[in-house]
Amino acid sequence: MGTVIMNREKLKKAVNSLKKAGKKVVFTNGCYDLLHVGHIRLLQSARKKGDKLIVAINSDASVRRIKGDKRPLVNQKERAETLAALECIDIVTVFNEDDPFNIIKDIMPDILVKGGDWPLDKIIGSDIVIKNGGKVMNIKYQAGKSTTNLVGRVVKAYCG
């Protein structure tokens, strides 16, 4: 089965089934506006931490609230479809809140993963995951590999 894009209700049911089958569920989240090598390395590393990788992306409205009116550059449907094409991801979902706390609470992953630019104690949802017996990890940050840097390079190259 390839990657599936699903809503929150289907996601909760799918995670319950995975856990009943003894699968270790890994979760990460982000905007994933312009997919780049930093994202790919994080996602591939996250997938190796368990049996199934779930990636939650911020909705377009959520990205605008967090990043400003000029973002996202790519709409949520296309961001989800792009991520779903990656073999390291099992499930993609979209959330509208500004942070992933509610979705983490809903599915209670076995392992919560973020990039190394996030200290473990600042990762949203880390408290409830740990309290539930799960683990929180960060993956080595890929210096200079960010959407902001990529956009800056494009602007410099094409806008003078």
C-alpha atoms as a PDB file:
ATOM      1  CA  MET A   1       0.000   0.000   0.000  1.00  0.00           C
ATOM      2  CA  GLY A   2       1.317   3.446  -0.921  1.00  0.00           C
ATOM      3  CA  THR A   3       1.045   6.583   1.142  1.00  0.00           C
ATOM      4  CA  VAL A   4      -2.476   7.600   2.047  1.00  0.00           C
ATOM      5  CA  ILE A   5      -3.769  11.133   2.586  1.00  0.00           C
ATOM      6  CA  MET A   6      -6.488  11.088   5.242  1.00  0.00           C
ATOM      7  CA  ASN A   7      -8.562  13.334   7.451  1.00  0.00           C
ATOM      8  CA  ARG A   8      -8.347  13.352  11.253  1.00  0.00           C
ATOM      9  CA  GLU A   9     -11.151  10.834  11.876  1.00  0.00           C
ATOM     10  CA  LYS A  10      -9.729   8.278   9.446  1.00  0.00           C
ATOM     11  CA  LEU A  11      -6.260   8.924  10.866  1.00  0.00           C
ATOM     12  CA  LYS A  12      -7.381   8.137  14.425  1.00  0.00           C
ATOM     13  CA  LYS A  13      -8.935   4.845  13.281  1.00  0.00           C
ATOM     14  CA  ALA A  14      -5.875   3.938  11.220  1.00  0.00           C
ATOM     15  CA  VAL A  15      -3.495   4.619  14.114  1.00  0.00           C
ATOM     16  CA  ASN A  16      -5.641   2.534  16.479  1.00  0.00           C
ATOM     17  CA  SER A  17      -5.470  -0.355  13.991  1.00  0.00           C
ATOM     18  CA  LEU A  18      -1.712   0.029  13.585  1.00  0.00           C
ATOM     19  CA  LYS A  19      -1.156   0.009  17.337  1.00  0.00           C
ATOM     20  CA  LYS A  20      -3.399  -3.035  17.799  1.00  0.00           C
ATOM     21  CA  ALA A  21      -1.247  -4.762  15.173  1.00  0.00           C
ATOM     22  CA  GLY A  22       1.832  -3.951  17.257  1.00  0.00           C
ATOM     23  CA  LYS A  23       3.234  -1.340  14.881  1.00  0.00           C
ATOM     24  CA  LYS A  24       5.405   1.487  16.240  1.00  0.00           C
ATOM     25  CA  VAL A  25       3.951   4.795  15.009  1.00  0.00           C
ATOM     26  CA  VAL A  26       6.277   7.744  14.329  1.00  0.00           C
ATOM     27  CA  PHE A  27       4.864  11.259  13.939  1.00  0.00           C
ATOM     28  CA  THR A  28       6.277  14.522  12.661  1.00  0.00           C
ATOM     29  CA  ASN A  29       4.776  17.719  11.385  1.00  0.00           C
ATOM     30  CA  GLY A  30       5.560  20.941   9.567  1.00  0.00           C
ATOM     31  CA  CYS A  31       4.576  23.263   6.753  1.00  0.00           C
ATOM     32  CA  TYR A  32       6.624  21.489   4.058  1.00  0.00           C
ATOM     33  CA  ASP A  33       6.014  24.455   1.764  1.00  0.00           C
ATOM     34  CA  LEU A  34       8.908  23.891  -0.639  1.00  0.00           C
ATOM     35  CA  LEU A  35      10.196  20.368  -0.245  1.00  0.00           C
ATOM     36  CA  HIS A  36      14.006  20.349  -0.015  1.00  0.00           C
ATOM     37  CA  VAL A  37      16.843  18.041   1.000  1.00  0.00           C
ATOM     38  CA  GLY A  38      16.599  19.065   4.672  1.00  0.00           C
ATOM     39  CA  HIS A  39      13.009  17.803   4.698  1.00  0.00           C
ATOM     40  CA  ILE A  40      13.911  14.601   2.875  1.00  0.00           C
ATOM     41  CA  ARG A  41      16.749  13.761   5.272  1.00  0.00           C
ATOM     42  CA  LEU A  42      14.527  14.401   8.297  1.00  0.00           C
ATOM     43  CA  LEU A  43      11.690  12.292   6.904  1.00  0.00           C
ATOM     44  CA  GLN A  44      13.938   9.393   5.938  1.00  0.00           C
ATOM     45  CA  SER A  45      15.562   9.422   9.380  1.00  0.00           C
ATOM     46  CA  ALA A  46      12.181   9.662  11.121  1.00  0.00           C
ATOM     47  CA  ARG A  47      10.876   6.646   9.193  1.00  0.00           C
ATOM     48  CA  LYS A  48      13.763   4.535  10.475  1.00  0.00           C
ATOM     49  CA  LYS A  49      12.638   5.153  14.077  1.00  0.00           C
ATOM     50  CA  GLY A  50       9.526   2.968  13.784  1.00  0.00           C
ATOM     51  CA  ASP A  51       7.195   0.958  11.578  1.00  0.00           C
ATOM     52  CA  LYS A  52       4.919   3.674  10.173  1.00  0.00           C
ATOM     53  CA  LEU A  53       5.542   7.382   9.589  1.00  0.00           C
ATOM     54  CA  ILE A  54       2.720   9.887   9.824  1.00  0.00           C
ATOM     55  CA  VAL A  55       3.350  13.425   8.592  1.00  0.00           C
ATOM     56  CA  ALA A  56       0.927  16.190   9.506  1.00  0.00           C
ATOM     57  CA  ILE A  57       1.123  19.398   7.508  1.00  0.00           C
ATOM     58  CA  ASN A  58      -0.206  22.800   8.447  1.00  0.00           C
ATOM     59  CA  SER A  59      -3.201  23.897   6.388  1.00  0.00           C
ATOM     60  CA  ASP A  60      -2.862  26.943   4.143  1.00  0.00           C
ATOM     61  CA  ALA A  61      -4.634  29.116   6.744  1.00  0.00           C
ATOM     62  CA  SER A  62      -2.354  27.814   9.491  1.00  0.00           C
ATOM     63  CA  VAL A  63       0.787  28.498   7.420  1.00  0.00           C
ATOM     64  CA  ARG A  64      -0.399  32.072   6.754  1.00  0.00           C
ATOM     65  CA  ARG A  65      -0.936  32.670  10.474  1.00  0.00           C
ATOM     66  CA  ILE A  66       2.519  31.319  11.314  1.00  0.00           C
ATOM     67  CA  LYS A  67       4.636  32.469   8.348  1.00  0.00           C
ATOM     68  CA  GLY A  68       2.767  35.524   7.031  1.00  0.00           C
ATOM     69  CA  ASP A  69       0.519  36.361   4.095  1.00  0.00           C
ATOM     70  CA  LYS A  70       3.064  35.460   1.406  1.00  0.00           C
ATOM     71  CA  ARG A  71       3.103  31.820   2.458  1.00  0.00           C
ATOM     72  CA  PRO A  72       2.428  29.090   1.647  1.00  0.00           C
ATOM     73  CA  LEU A  73       3.924  29.137  -1.812  1.00  0.00           C
ATOM     74  CA  VAL A  74       2.364  25.731  -2.524  1.00  0.00           C
ATOM     75  CA  ASN A  75      -1.219  24.961  -1.478  1.00  0.00           C
ATOM     76  CA  GLN A  76      -2.040  22.256   1.078  1.00  0.00           C
ATOM     77  CA  LYS A  77      -3.493  19.826  -1.447  1.00  0.00           C
ATOM     78  CA  GLU A  78      -0.321  19.913  -3.542  1.00  0.00           C
ATOM     79  CA  ARG A  79       1.962  19.808  -0.464  1.00  0.00           C
ATOM     80  CA  ALA A  80       0.100  16.718   0.784  1.00  0.00           C
ATOM     81  CA  GLU A  81       0.283  15.069  -2.646  1.00  0.00           C
ATOM     82  CA  THR A  82       4.019  15.785  -2.912  1.00  0.00           C
ATOM     83  CA  LEU A  83       4.711  14.250   0.490  1.00  0.00           C
ATOM     84  CA  ALA A  84       2.476  11.284  -0.305  1.00  0.00           C
ATOM     85  CA  ALA A  85       4.763  10.490  -3.240  1.00  0.00           C
ATOM     86  CA  LEU A  86       7.662   9.777  -0.851  1.00  0.00           C
ATOM     87  CA  GLU A  87       8.088   6.100  -0.032  1.00  0.00           C
ATOM     88  CA  CYS A  88       9.296   6.830   3.511  1.00  0.00           C
ATOM     89  CA  ILE A  89       5.884   8.274   4.474  1.00  0.00           C
ATOM     90  CA  ASP A  90       2.875   6.072   5.219  1.00  0.00           C
ATOM     91  CA  ILE A  91       0.164   8.623   6.036  1.00  0.00           C
ATOM     92  CA  VAL A  92      -0.198  12.354   5.370  1.00  0.00           C
ATOM     93  CA  THR A  93      -2.802  14.505   7.077  1.00  0.00           C
ATOM     94  CA  VAL A  94      -3.560  18.226   7.219  1.00  0.00           C
ATOM     95  CA  PHE A  95      -4.301  20.160  10.407  1.00  0.00           C
ATOM     96  CA  ASN A  96      -5.748  23.658  10.706  1.00  0.00           C
ATOM     97  CA  GLU A  97      -4.512  24.593  14.179  1.00  0.00           C
ATOM     98  CA  ASP A  98      -1.355  26.683  14.614  1.00  0.00           C
ATOM     99  CA  ASP A  99       0.411  23.788  16.315  1.00  0.00           C
ATOM    100  CA  PRO A 100       0.015  20.000  16.235  1.00  0.00           C
ATOM    101  CA  PHE A 101      -0.868  19.500  19.920  1.00  0.00           C
ATOM    102  CA  ASN A 102      -4.454  18.321  19.285  1.00  0.00           C
ATOM    103  CA  ILE A 103      -3.524  15.867  16.560  1.00  0.00           C
ATOM    104  CA  ILE A 104      -0.706  14.473  18.727  1.00  0.00           C
ATOM    105  CA  LYS A 105      -3.178  14.108  21.598  1.00  0.00           C
ATOM    106  CA  ASP A 106      -5.661  12.383  19.268  1.00  0.00           C
ATOM    107  CA  ILE A 107      -3.256   9.741  17.947  1.00  0.00           C
ATOM    108  CA  MET A 108      -0.650   9.543  20.754  1.00  0.00           C
ATOM    109  CA  PRO A 109       2.292   8.398  18.600  1.00  0.00           C
ATOM    110  CA  ASP A 110       4.921   6.050  19.989  1.00  0.00           C
ATOM    111  CA  ILE A 111       7.658   8.381  18.766  1.00  0.00           C
ATOM    112  CA  LEU A 112       7.448  12.125  18.169  1.00  0.00           C
ATOM    113  CA  VAL A 113      10.170  13.526  15.912  1.00  0.00           C
ATOM    114  CA  LYS A 114      11.234  17.053  14.954  1.00  0.00           C
ATOM    115  CA  GLY A 115      14.325  18.608  13.432  1.00  0.00           C
ATOM    116  CA  GLY A 116      17.385  19.290  15.554  1.00  0.00           C
ATOM    117  CA  ASP A 117      16.597  22.992  15.632  1.00  0.00           C
ATOM    118  CA  TRP A 118      13.897  22.069  18.173  1.00  0.00           C
ATOM    119  CA  PRO A 119      15.173  21.379  21.709  1.00  0.00           C
ATOM    120  CA  LEU A 120      13.407  18.279  23.078  1.00  0.00           C
ATOM    121  CA  ASP A 121      11.661  20.223  25.845  1.00  0.00           C
ATOM    122  CA  LYS A 122      10.243  22.710  23.301  1.00  0.00           C
ATOM    123  CA  ILE A 123       8.720  20.126  20.968  1.00  0.00           C
ATOM    124  CA  ILE A 124       4.968  20.586  21.111  1.00  0.00           C
ATOM    125  CA  GLY A 125       3.262  17.477  22.470  1.00  0.00           C
ATOM    126  CA  SER A 126       6.448  16.070  24.002  1.00  0.00           C
ATOM    127  CA  ASP A 127       4.944  16.176  27.488  1.00  0.00           C
ATOM    128  CA  ILE A 128       1.904  14.046  26.635  1.00  0.00           C
ATOM    129  CA  VAL A 129       3.868  11.604  24.456  1.00  0.00           C
ATOM    130  CA  ILE A 130       6.390  10.986  27.255  1.00  0.00           C
ATOM    131  CA  LYS A 131       3.627  10.760  29.868  1.00  0.00           C
ATOM    132  CA  ASN A 132       1.999   8.090  27.687  1.00  0.00           C
ATOM    133  CA  GLY A 133       5.224   6.043  27.538  1.00  0.00           C
ATOM    134  CA  GLY A 134       6.398   7.295  24.141  1.00  0.00           C
ATOM    135  CA  LYS A 135       9.682   8.803  23.053  1.00  0.00           C
ATOM    136  CA  VAL A 136      10.574  12.250  21.728  1.00  0.00           C
ATOM    137  CA  MET A 137      13.535  12.655  19.395  1.00  0.00           C
ATOM    138  CA  ASN A 138      15.093  15.278  17.232  1.00  0.00           C
ATOM    139  CA  ILE A 139      16.925  14.599  14.004  1.00  0.00           C
ATOM    140  CA  LYS A 140      20.141  16.414  13.169  1.00  0.00           C
ATOM    141  CA  TYR A 141      19.389  19.846  11.746  1.00  0.00           C
ATOM    142  CA  GLN A 142      20.560  20.378   8.168  1.00  0.00           C
ATOM    143  CA  ALA A 143      22.196  23.806   8.427  1.00  0.00           C
ATOM    144  CA  GLY A 144      21.239  26.147   5.614  1.00  0.00           C
ATOM    145  CA  LYS A 145      18.645  23.717   4.249  1.00  0.00           C
ATOM    146  CA  SER A 146      15.396  25.566   4.868  1.00  0.00           C
ATOM    147  CA  THR A 147      12.506  26.924   2.851  1.00  0.00           C
ATOM    148  CA  THR A 148      13.390  30.441   4.024  1.00  0.00           C
ATOM    149  CA  ASN A 149      16.962  30.060   2.714  1.00  0.00           C
ATOM    150  CA  LEU A 150      15.710  28.575  -0.538  1.00  0.00           C
ATOM    151  CA  VAL A 151      13.275  31.447  -1.092  1.00  0.00           C
ATOM    152  CA  GLY A 152      16.076  33.929  -0.329  1.00  0.00           C
ATOM    153  CA  ARG A 153      18.325  32.318  -2.940  1.00  0.00           C
ATOM    154  CA  VAL A 154      15.568  32.451  -5.542  1.00  0.00           C
ATOM    155  CA  VAL A 155      14.831  36.109  -4.805  1.00  0.00           C
ATOM    156  CA  LYS A 156      18.540  37.011  -4.958  1.00  0.00           C
ATOM    157  CA  ALA A 157      19.015  35.122  -8.226  1.00  0.00           C
ATOM    158  CA  TYR A 158      15.904  36.356 -10.017  1.00  0.00           C
ATOM    159  CA  CYS A 159      14.903  39.615  -8.384  1.00  0.00           C
ATOM    160  CA  GLY A 160      18.266  41.272  -8.144  1.00  0.00           C
END
